[in-house]
Structure formats: C-alpha cells, structure tokens
C-alpha cells in the first residue's frame, strides 16, 4: 500500500512515499525528531540559520549512522564466526 505523504521539516514541506503504515510512522517520527533536534539546536545557537542547523543535524546523524554501520559489520562477523563454530560442533555429533 504505497501512499504519498507530506511532512514539515526545517521550515519546508517534503513529500515522501510510504510503502506501508509502518513506513509512514517511521517517516513521521523521523521528521518530528529532526524538528525537535532543530528546535533544541536553535535555542543553543540562536544566530544559526536553518541551513546551518540542517547541516549540523545531517552531520550528527551521519556520524551516528556510520557508528551503527561499523557495529553491524562487527556483529555480522561475530555471527559468522559463531555459525562456523556451531557447524564444527554439529559435524562432531
């Protein structure tokens, strides 16, 4: 069930296509989180423009995503190692 939705973020209105109700919820929650983060940063740095605030948010979220990606890769390697270990135990049986 694809559905086009609009969300207000950082002074603009943006259109997205939600593939499911869960996807729509994710988009709306993310937009709200960005707006909340922008409001907080605007209070901390009152002279910053919306563009500067947007770049700060993008950089912070990019850093978080990179850290999560690195952690996911580490978990993937650990799962692979555990799978090999399990396979070797099962061969013994």
PDB file of N, CA and C in Angstrom:
ATOM      1  N   UNK A   1       0.832  -1.168   0.000  1.00  0.00           N
ATOM      2  CA  UNK A   1       0.000   0.000   0.000  1.00  0.00           C
ATOM      3  C   UNK A   1       0.887   1.244   0.000  1.00  0.00           C
ATOM      4  N   UNK A   2       1.233   1.718  -1.155  1.00  0.00           N
ATOM      5  CA  UNK A   2       2.044   2.936  -1.233  1.00  0.00           C
ATOM      6  C   UNK A   2       1.133   4.132  -1.058  1.00  0.00           C
ATOM      7  N   UNK A   3       1.662   5.111  -0.333  1.00  0.00           N
ATOM      8  CA  UNK A   3       0.872   6.302  -0.071  1.00  0.00           C
ATOM      9  C   UNK A   3       1.807   7.498  -0.027  1.00  0.00           C
ATOM     10  N   UNK A   4       1.420   8.560  -0.696  1.00  0.00           N
ATOM     11  CA  UNK A   4       2.216   9.771  -0.672  1.00  0.00           C
ATOM     12  C   UNK A   4       1.826  10.590   0.550  1.00  0.00           C
ATOM     13  N   UNK A   5       2.845  11.011   1.300  1.00  0.00           N
ATOM     14  CA  UNK A   5       2.586  11.836   2.483  1.00  0.00           C
ATOM     15  C   UNK A   5       3.476  13.073   2.410  1.00  0.00           C
ATOM     16  N   UNK A   6       3.084  14.100   3.155  1.00  0.00           N
ATOM     17  CA  UNK A   6       3.915  15.303   3.251  1.00  0.00           C
ATOM     18  C   UNK A   6       4.237  15.534   4.719  1.00  0.00           C
ATOM     19  N   UNK A   7       5.455  15.956   4.968  1.00  0.00           N
ATOM     20  CA  UNK A   7       5.867  16.248   6.339  1.00  0.00           C
ATOM     21  C   UNK A   7       6.593  17.590   6.369  1.00  0.00           C
ATOM     22  N   UNK A   8       6.290  18.407   7.375  1.00  0.00           N
ATOM     23  CA  UNK A   8       7.011  19.669   7.526  1.00  0.00           C
ATOM     24  C   UNK A   8       8.307  19.429   8.294  1.00  0.00           C
ATOM     25  N   UNK A   9       9.398  19.922   7.730  1.00  0.00           N
ATOM     26  CA  UNK A   9      10.699  19.766   8.391  1.00  0.00           C
ATOM     27  C   UNK A   9      11.582  20.955   8.063  1.00  0.00           C
ATOM     28  N   UNK A  10      12.180  21.529   9.099  1.00  0.00           N
ATOM     29  CA  UNK A  10      13.123  22.635   8.955  1.00  0.00           C
ATOM     30  C   UNK A  10      12.579  23.762   8.062  1.00  0.00           C
ATOM     31  N   UNK A  11      11.337  24.115   8.273  1.00  0.00           N
ATOM     32  CA  UNK A  11      10.755  25.221   7.541  1.00  0.00           C
ATOM     33  C   UNK A  11      10.260  24.881   6.149  1.00  0.00           C
ATOM     34  N   UNK A  12      10.376  23.641   5.730  1.00  0.00           N
ATOM     35  CA  UNK A  12       9.912  23.236   4.409  1.00  0.00           C
ATOM     36  C   UNK A  12       8.898  22.112   4.519  1.00  0.00           C
ATOM     37  N   UNK A  13       8.225  21.853   3.417  1.00  0.00           N
ATOM     38  CA  UNK A  13       7.273  20.739   3.348  1.00  0.00           C
ATOM     39  C   UNK A  13       7.835  19.752   2.327  1.00  0.00           C
ATOM     40  N   UNK A  14       7.963  18.498   2.728  1.00  0.00           N
ATOM     41  CA  UNK A  14       8.585  17.497   1.870  1.00  0.00           C
ATOM     42  C   UNK A  14       7.632  16.333   1.637  1.00  0.00           C
ATOM     43  N   UNK A  15       7.646  15.819   0.402  1.00  0.00           N
ATOM     44  CA  UNK A  15       6.801  14.684   0.041  1.00  0.00           C
ATOM     45  C   UNK A  15       7.623  13.403   0.065  1.00  0.00           C
ATOM     46  N   UNK A  16       7.012  12.373   0.598  1.00  0.00           N
ATOM     47  CA  UNK A  16       7.620  11.048   0.643  1.00  0.00           C
ATOM     48  C   UNK A  16       6.582  10.025   0.225  1.00  0.00           C
ATOM     49  N   UNK A  17       7.053   8.881  -0.204  1.00  0.00           N
ATOM     50  CA  UNK A  17       6.169   7.758  -0.482  1.00  0.00           C
ATOM     51  C   UNK A  17       6.377   6.728   0.618  1.00  0.00           C
ATOM     52  N   UNK A  18       5.316   6.467   1.355  1.00  0.00           N
ATOM     53  CA  UNK A  18       5.362   5.456   2.406  1.00  0.00           C
ATOM     54  C   UNK A  18       4.883   4.137   1.811  1.00  0.00           C
ATOM     55  N   UNK A  19       5.667   3.089   1.990  1.00  0.00           N
ATOM     56  CA  UNK A  19       5.333   1.779   1.424  1.00  0.00           C
ATOM     57  C   UNK A  19       4.338   0.993   2.270  1.00  0.00           C
ATOM     58  N   UNK A  20       4.172   1.420   3.528  1.00  0.00           N
ATOM     59  CA  UNK A  20       3.274   0.721   4.439  1.00  0.00           C
ATOM     60  C   UNK A  20       2.923   1.676   5.579  1.00  0.00           C
ATOM     61  N   UNK A  21       1.938   1.320   6.392  1.00  0.00           N
ATOM     62  CA  UNK A  21       1.642   2.160   7.558  1.00  0.00           C
ATOM     63  C   UNK A  21       2.841   2.281   8.505  1.00  0.00           C
ATOM     64  N   UNK A  22       3.601   1.191   8.629  1.00  0.00           N
ATOM     65  CA  UNK A  22       4.785   1.237   9.486  1.00  0.00           C
ATOM     66  C   UNK A  22       5.826   2.205   8.919  1.00  0.00           C
ATOM     67  N   UNK A  23       5.975   2.184   7.605  1.00  0.00           N
ATOM     68  CA  UNK A  23       6.909   3.084   6.933  1.00  0.00           C
ATOM     69  C   UNK A  23       6.475   4.536   7.133  1.00  0.00           C
ATOM     70  N   UNK A  24       5.180   4.790   7.035  1.00  0.00           N
ATOM     71  CA  UNK A  24       4.665   6.147   7.255  1.00  0.00           C
ATOM     72  C   UNK A  24       4.976   6.608   8.679  1.00  0.00           C
ATOM     73  N   UNK A  25       4.802   5.707   9.630  1.00  0.00           N
ATOM     74  CA  UNK A  25       5.092   6.043  11.025  1.00  0.00           C
ATOM     75  C   UNK A  25       6.568   6.402  11.199  1.00  0.00           C
ATOM     76  N   UNK A  26       7.439   5.633  10.551  1.00  0.00           N
ATOM     77  CA  UNK A  26       8.874   5.911  10.635  1.00  0.00           C
ATOM     78  C   UNK A  26       9.186   7.287  10.055  1.00  0.00           C
ATOM     79  N   UNK A  27       8.611   7.594   8.899  1.00  0.00           N
ATOM     80  CA  UNK A  27       8.859   8.890   8.255  1.00  0.00           C
ATOM     81  C   UNK A  27       8.385  10.030   9.148  1.00  0.00           C
ATOM     82  N   UNK A  28       7.179   9.906   9.683  1.00  0.00           N
ATOM     83  CA  UNK A  28       6.623  10.973  10.521  1.00  0.00           C
ATOM     84  C   UNK A  28       7.413  11.137  11.817  1.00  0.00           C
ATOM     85  N   UNK A  29       7.810  10.027  12.442  1.00  0.00           N
ATOM     86  CA  UNK A  29       8.605  10.104  13.672  1.00  0.00           C
ATOM     87  C   UNK A  29       9.973  10.717  13.402  1.00  0.00           C
ATOM     88  N   UNK A  30      10.556  10.371  12.265  1.00  0.00           N
ATOM     89  CA  UNK A  30      11.858  10.922  11.910  1.00  0.00           C
ATOM     90  C   UNK A  30      11.761  12.426  11.685  1.00  0.00           C
ATOM     91  N   UNK A  31      10.720  12.863  10.967  1.00  0.00           N
ATOM     92  CA  UNK A  31      10.524  14.293  10.735  1.00  0.00           C
ATOM     93  C   UNK A  31      10.342  15.030  12.058  1.00  0.00           C
ATOM     94  N   UNK A  32       9.582  14.441  12.962  1.00  0.00           N
ATOM     95  CA  UNK A  32       9.382  15.064  14.273  1.00  0.00           C
ATOM     96  C   UNK A  32      10.696  15.144  15.042  1.00  0.00           C
ATOM     97  N   UNK A  33      11.486  14.074  14.986  1.00  0.00           N
ATOM     98  CA  UNK A  33      12.778  14.068  15.679  1.00  0.00           C
ATOM     99  C   UNK A  33      13.706  15.142  15.111  1.00  0.00           C
ATOM    100  N   UNK A  34      13.704  15.296  13.793  1.00  0.00           N
ATOM    101  CA  UNK A  34      14.535  16.333  13.164  1.00  0.00           C
ATOM    102  C   UNK A  34      14.071  17.709  13.624  1.00  0.00           C
ATOM    103  N   UNK A  35      12.771  17.928  13.628  1.00  0.00           N
ATOM    104  CA  UNK A  35      12.242  19.219  14.058  1.00  0.00           C
ATOM    105  C   UNK A  35      12.563  19.500  15.526  1.00  0.00           C
ATOM    106  N   UNK A  36      12.423  18.479  16.369  1.00  0.00           N
ATOM    107  CA  UNK A  36      12.753  18.644  17.787  1.00  0.00           C
ATOM    108  C   UNK A  36      14.238  18.955  17.959  1.00  0.00           C
ATOM    109  N   UNK A  37      15.079  18.231  17.218  1.00  0.00           N
ATOM    110  CA  UNK A  37      16.526  18.468  17.279  1.00  0.00           C
ATOM    111  C   UNK A  37      16.848  19.883  16.802  1.00  0.00           C
ATOM    112  N   UNK A  38      16.192  20.313  15.720  1.00  0.00           N
ATOM    113  CA  UNK A  38      16.415  21.660  15.189  1.00  0.00           C
ATOM    114  C   UNK A  38      16.013  22.718  16.209  1.00  0.00           C
ATOM    115  N   UNK A  39      14.883  22.517  16.873  1.00  0.00           N
ATOM    116  CA  UNK A  39      14.446  23.469  17.894  1.00  0.00           C
ATOM    117  C   UNK A  39      15.467  23.576  19.021  1.00  0.00           C
ATOM    118  N   UNK A  40      15.974  22.421  19.450  1.00  0.00           N
ATOM    119  CA  UNK A  40      16.983  22.422  20.512  1.00  0.00           C
ATOM    120  C   UNK A  40      18.266  23.119  20.091  1.00  0.00           C
ATOM    121  N   UNK A  41      18.724  22.838  18.882  1.00  0.00           N
ATOM    122  CA  UNK A  41      19.953  23.478  18.390  1.00  0.00           C
ATOM    123  C   UNK A  41      19.749  24.971  18.180  1.00  0.00           C
ATOM    124  N   UNK A  42      18.556  25.366  17.751  1.00  0.00           N
ATOM    125  CA  UNK A  42      18.262  26.790  17.551  1.00  0.00           C
ATOM    126  C   UNK A  42      18.325  27.537  18.888  1.00  0.00           C
ATOM    127  N   UNK A  43      17.875  26.889  19.942  1.00  0.00           N
ATOM    128  CA  UNK A  43      17.961  27.500  21.277  1.00  0.00           C
ATOM    129  C   UNK A  43      19.411  27.587  21.743  1.00  0.00           C
ATOM    130  N   UNK A  44      20.206  26.559  21.438  1.00  0.00           N
ATOM    131  CA  UNK A  44      21.617  26.546  21.836  1.00  0.00           C
ATOM    132  C   UNK A  44      22.452  27.528  21.026  1.00  0.00           C
ATOM    133  N   UNK A  45      22.112  27.676  19.748  1.00  0.00           N
ATOM    134  CA  UNK A  45      22.864  28.532  18.827  1.00  0.00           C
ATOM    135  C   UNK A  45      21.893  29.492  18.129  1.00  0.00           C
ATOM    136  N   UNK A  46      21.432  30.522  18.842  1.00  0.00           N
ATOM    137  CA  UNK A  46      20.370  31.378  18.309  1.00  0.00           C
ATOM    138  C   UNK A  46      20.703  32.111  17.013  1.00  0.00           C
ATOM    139  N   UNK A  47      21.960  32.315  16.691  1.00  0.00           N
ATOM    140  CA  UNK A  47      22.300  33.040  15.476  1.00  0.00           C
ATOM    141  C   UNK A  47      22.400  32.176  14.223  1.00  0.00           C
ATOM    142  N   UNK A  48      22.268  30.868  14.376  1.00  0.00           N
ATOM    143  CA  UNK A  48      22.441  29.958  13.236  1.00  0.00           C
ATOM    144  C   UNK A  48      21.207  29.961  12.330  1.00  0.00           C
ATOM    145  N   UNK A  49      21.440  29.848  11.045  1.00  0.00           N
ATOM    146  CA  UNK A  49      20.345  29.770  10.085  1.00  0.00           C
ATOM    147  C   UNK A  49      19.777  28.354  10.065  1.00  0.00           C
ATOM    148  N   UNK A  50      18.603  28.214   9.441  1.00  0.00           N
ATOM    149  CA  UNK A  50      18.015  26.878   9.318  1.00  0.00           C
ATOM    150  C   UNK A  50      18.929  25.967   8.511  1.00  0.00           C
ATOM    151  N   UNK A  51      19.607  26.527   7.512  1.00  0.00           N
ATOM    152  CA  UNK A  51      20.532  25.722   6.703  1.00  0.00           C
ATOM    153  C   UNK A  51      21.690  25.218   7.559  1.00  0.00           C
ATOM    154  N   UNK A  52      22.239  26.080   8.402  1.00  0.00           N
ATOM    155  CA  UNK A  52      23.340  25.654   9.277  1.00  0.00           C
ATOM    156  C   UNK A  52      22.862  24.600  10.266  1.00  0.00           C
ATOM    157  N   UNK A  53      21.680  24.811  10.825  1.00  0.00           N
ATOM    158  CA  UNK A  53      21.100  23.830  11.748  1.00  0.00           C
ATOM    159  C   UNK A  53      20.897  22.503  11.014  1.00  0.00           C
ATOM    160  N   UNK A  54      20.392  22.566   9.797  1.00  0.00           N
ATOM    161  CA  UNK A  54      20.187  21.349   8.999  1.00  0.00           C
ATOM    162  C   UNK A  54      21.486  20.606   8.759  1.00  0.00           C
ATOM    163  N   UNK A  55      22.545  21.355   8.460  1.00  0.00           N
ATOM    164  CA  UNK A  55      23.856  20.709   8.242  1.00  0.00           C
ATOM    165  C   UNK A  55      24.377  20.073   9.527  1.00  0.00           C
ATOM    166  N   UNK A  56      24.160  20.744  10.660  1.00  0.00           N
ATOM    167  CA  UNK A  56      24.589  20.173  11.947  1.00  0.00           C
ATOM    168  C   UNK A  56      23.859  18.856  12.217  1.00  0.00           C
ATOM    169  N   UNK A  57      22.554  18.853  11.957  1.00  0.00           N
ATOM    170  CA  UNK A  57      21.763  17.636  12.171  1.00  0.00           C
ATOM    171  C   UNK A  57      22.224  16.538  11.219  1.00  0.00           C
ATOM    172  N   UNK A  58      22.428  16.889   9.953  1.00  0.00           N
ATOM    173  CA  UNK A  58      22.863  15.897   8.967  1.00  0.00           C
ATOM    174  C   UNK A  58      24.200  15.282   9.359  1.00  0.00           C
ATOM    175  N   UNK A  59      25.127  16.109   9.791  1.00  0.00           N
ATOM    176  CA  UNK A  59      26.439  15.599  10.189  1.00  0.00           C
ATOM    177  C   UNK A  59      26.324  14.690  11.407  1.00  0.00           C
ATOM    178  N   UNK A  60      25.557  15.119  12.412  1.00  0.00           N
ATOM    179  CA  UNK A  60      25.381  14.286  13.610  1.00  0.00           C
ATOM    180  C   UNK A  60      24.722  12.959  13.277  1.00  0.00           C
ATOM    181  N   UNK A  61      23.703  12.992  12.434  1.00  0.00           N
ATOM    182  CA  UNK A  61      23.011  11.751  12.074  1.00  0.00           C
ATOM    183  C   UNK A  61      23.892  10.865  11.201  1.00  0.00           C
ATOM    184  N   UNK A  62      24.703  11.483  10.339  1.00  0.00           N
ATOM    185  CA  UNK A  62      25.646  10.714   9.528  1.00  0.00           C
ATOM    186  C   UNK A  62      26.670   9.996  10.388  1.00  0.00           C
ATOM    187  N   UNK A  63      27.159  10.686  11.415  1.00  0.00           N
ATOM    188  CA  UNK A  63      28.116  10.072  12.346  1.00  0.00           C
ATOM    189  C   UNK A  63      27.466   8.901  13.070  1.00  0.00           C
ATOM    190  N   UNK A  64      26.232   9.109  13.551  1.00  0.00           N
ATOM    191  CA  UNK A  64      25.512   8.017  14.223  1.00  0.00           C
ATOM    192  C   UNK A  64      25.332   6.824  13.287  1.00  0.00           C
ATOM    193  N   UNK A  65      24.951   7.094  12.042  1.00  0.00           N
ATOM    194  CA  UNK A  65      24.738   6.013  11.067  1.00  0.00           C
ATOM    195  C   UNK A  65      26.039   5.261  10.791  1.00  0.00           C
ATOM    196  N   UNK A  66      27.146   5.985  10.676  1.00  0.00           N
ATOM    197  CA  UNK A  66      28.446   5.345  10.423  1.00  0.00           C
ATOM    198  C   UNK A  66      28.843   4.463  11.603  1.00  0.00           C
ATOM    199  N   UNK A  67      28.596   4.953  12.817  1.00  0.00           N
ATOM    200  CA  UNK A  67      28.910   4.148  14.012  1.00  0.00           C
ATOM    201  C   UNK A  67      28.057   2.883  14.054  1.00  0.00           C
ATOM    202  N   UNK A  68      26.764   3.036  13.737  1.00  0.00           N
ATOM    203  CA  UNK A  68      25.883   1.866  13.718  1.00  0.00           C
ATOM    204  C   UNK A  68      26.298   0.877  12.641  1.00  0.00           C
ATOM    205  N   UNK A  69      26.692   1.385  11.472  1.00  0.00           N
ATOM    206  CA  UNK A  69      27.139   0.520  10.384  1.00  0.00           C
ATOM    207  C   UNK A  69      28.358  -0.281  10.804  1.00  0.00           C
ATOM    208  N   UNK A  70      29.291   0.395  11.469  1.00  0.00           N
ATOM    209  CA  UNK A  70      30.504  -0.296  11.943  1.00  0.00           C
ATOM    210  C   UNK A  70      30.139  -1.375  12.956  1.00  0.00           C
ATOM    211  N   UNK A  71      29.208  -1.054  13.847  1.00  0.00           N
ATOM    212  CA  UNK A  71      28.783  -2.031  14.848  1.00  0.00           C
ATOM    213  C   UNK A  71      28.070  -3.216  14.181  1.00  0.00           C
ATOM    214  N   UNK A  72      27.219  -2.934  13.189  1.00  0.00           N
ATOM    215  CA  UNK A  72      26.533  -4.002  12.458  1.00  0.00           C
ATOM    216  C   UNK A  72      27.524  -4.928  11.763  1.00  0.00           C
ATOM    217  N   UNK A  73      28.546  -4.351  11.160  1.00  0.00           N
ATOM    218  CA  UNK A  73      29.569  -5.161  10.499  1.00  0.00           C
ATOM    219  C   UNK A  73      30.278  -6.049  11.505  1.00  0.00           C
ATOM    220  N   UNK A  74      30.574  -5.510  12.679  1.00  0.00           N
ATOM    221  CA  UNK A  74      31.218  -6.289  13.734  1.00  0.00           C
ATOM    222  C   UNK A  74      30.312  -7.430  14.192  1.00  0.00           C
ATOM    223  N   UNK A  75      29.040  -7.140  14.364  1.00  0.00           N
ATOM    224  CA  UNK A  75      28.081  -8.172  14.767  1.00  0.00           C
ATOM    225  C   UNK A  75      27.975  -9.237  13.678  1.00  0.00           C
ATOM    226  N   UNK A  76      27.969  -8.811  12.419  1.00  0.00           N
ATOM    227  CA  UNK A  76      27.924  -9.759  11.305  1.00  0.00           C
ATOM    228  C   UNK A  76      29.111 -10.705  11.323  1.00  0.00           C
ATOM    229  N   UNK A  77      30.300 -10.159  11.580  1.00  0.00           N
ATOM    230  CA  UNK A  77      31.499 -11.014  11.660  1.00  0.00           C
ATOM    231  C   UNK A  77      31.388 -11.980  12.831  1.00  0.00           C
ATOM    232  N   UNK A  78      30.859 -11.498  13.954  1.00  0.00           N
ATOM    233  CA  UNK A  78      30.705 -12.355  15.119  1.00  0.00           C
ATOM    234  C   UNK A  78      29.691 -13.470  14.842  1.00  0.00           C
ATOM    235  N   UNK A  79      28.591 -13.145  14.182  1.00  0.00           N
ATOM    236  CA  UNK A  79      27.584 -14.162  13.832  1.00  0.00           C
ATOM    237  C   UNK A  79      28.206 -15.204  12.908  1.00  0.00           C
ATOM    238  N   UNK A  80      28.979 -14.735  11.937  1.00  0.00           N
ATOM    239  CA  UNK A  80      29.643 -15.659  11.007  1.00  0.00           C
ATOM    240  C   UNK A  80      30.590 -16.598  11.754  1.00  0.00           C
ATOM    241  N   UNK A  81      31.352 -16.051  12.693  1.00  0.00           N
ATOM    242  CA  UNK A  81      32.278 -16.864  13.476  1.00  0.00           C
ATOM    243  C   UNK A  81      31.515 -17.890  14.322  1.00  0.00           C
ATOM    244  N   UNK A  82      30.429 -17.446  14.964  1.00  0.00           N
ATOM    245  CA  UNK A  82      29.635 -18.355  15.784  1.00  0.00           C
ATOM    246  C   UNK A  82      28.974 -19.436  14.936  1.00  0.00           C
ATOM    247  N   UNK A  83      28.555 -19.081  13.717  1.00  0.00           N
ATOM    248  CA  UNK A  83      27.954 -20.064  12.815  1.00  0.00           C
ATOM    249  C   UNK A  83      28.978 -21.138  12.440  1.00  0.00           C
ATOM    250  N   UNK A  84      30.199 -20.708  12.155  1.00  0.00           N
ATOM    251  CA  UNK A  84      31.253 -21.679  11.833  1.00  0.00           C
ATOM    252  C   UNK A  84      31.540 -22.579  13.029  1.00  0.00           C
ATOM    253  N   UNK A  85      31.567 -21.978  14.210  1.00  0.00           N
ATOM    254  CA  UNK A  85      31.812 -22.758  15.421  1.00  0.00           C
ATOM    255  C   UNK A  85      30.684 -23.765  15.642  1.00  0.00           C
ATOM    256  N   UNK A  86      29.443 -23.341  15.455  1.00  0.00           N
ATOM    257  CA  UNK A  86      28.301 -24.233  15.597  1.00  0.00           C
ATOM    258  C   UNK A  86      28.362 -25.357  14.569  1.00  0.00           C
ATOM    259  N   UNK A  87      28.694 -25.013  13.319  1.00  0.00           N
ATOM    260  CA  UNK A  87      28.818 -26.029  12.271  1.00  0.00           C
ATOM    261  C   UNK A  87      29.865 -27.069  12.644  1.00  0.00           C
ATOM    262  N   UNK A  88      30.991 -26.616  13.213  1.00  0.00           N
ATOM    263  CA  UNK A  88      32.043 -27.571  13.576  1.00  0.00           C
ATOM    264  C   UNK A  88      31.599 -28.484  14.706  1.00  0.00           C
ATOM    265  N   UNK A  89      30.814 -27.964  15.661  1.00  0.00           N
ATOM    266  CA  UNK A  89      30.281 -28.794  16.722  1.00  0.00           C
ATOM    267  C   UNK A  89      29.297 -29.823  16.169  1.00  0.00           C
ATOM    268  N   UNK A  90      28.474 -29.394  15.226  1.00  0.00           N
ATOM    269  CA  UNK A  90      27.467 -30.304  14.668  1.00  0.00           C
ATOM    270  C   UNK A  90      28.121 -31.407  13.839  1.00  0.00           C
ATOM    271  N   UNK A  91      29.278 -31.135  13.225  1.00  0.00           N
ATOM    272  CA  UNK A  91      29.987 -32.159  12.456  1.00  0.00           C
ATOM    273  C   UNK A  91      30.525 -33.244  13.368  1.00  0.00           C
ATOM    274  N   UNK A  92      30.880 -32.848  14.582  1.00  0.00           N
ATOM    275  CA  UNK A  92      31.415 -33.808  15.570  1.00  0.00           C
ATOM    276  C   UNK A  92      30.322 -34.777  15.991  1.00  0.00           C
ATOM    277  N   UNK A  93      29.106 -34.266  16.117  1.00  0.00           N
ATOM    278  CA  UNK A  93      27.989 -35.123  16.554  1.00  0.00           C
ATOM    279  C   UNK A  93      27.631 -36.050  15.447  1.00  0.00           C
TER     280      UNK A  93
END
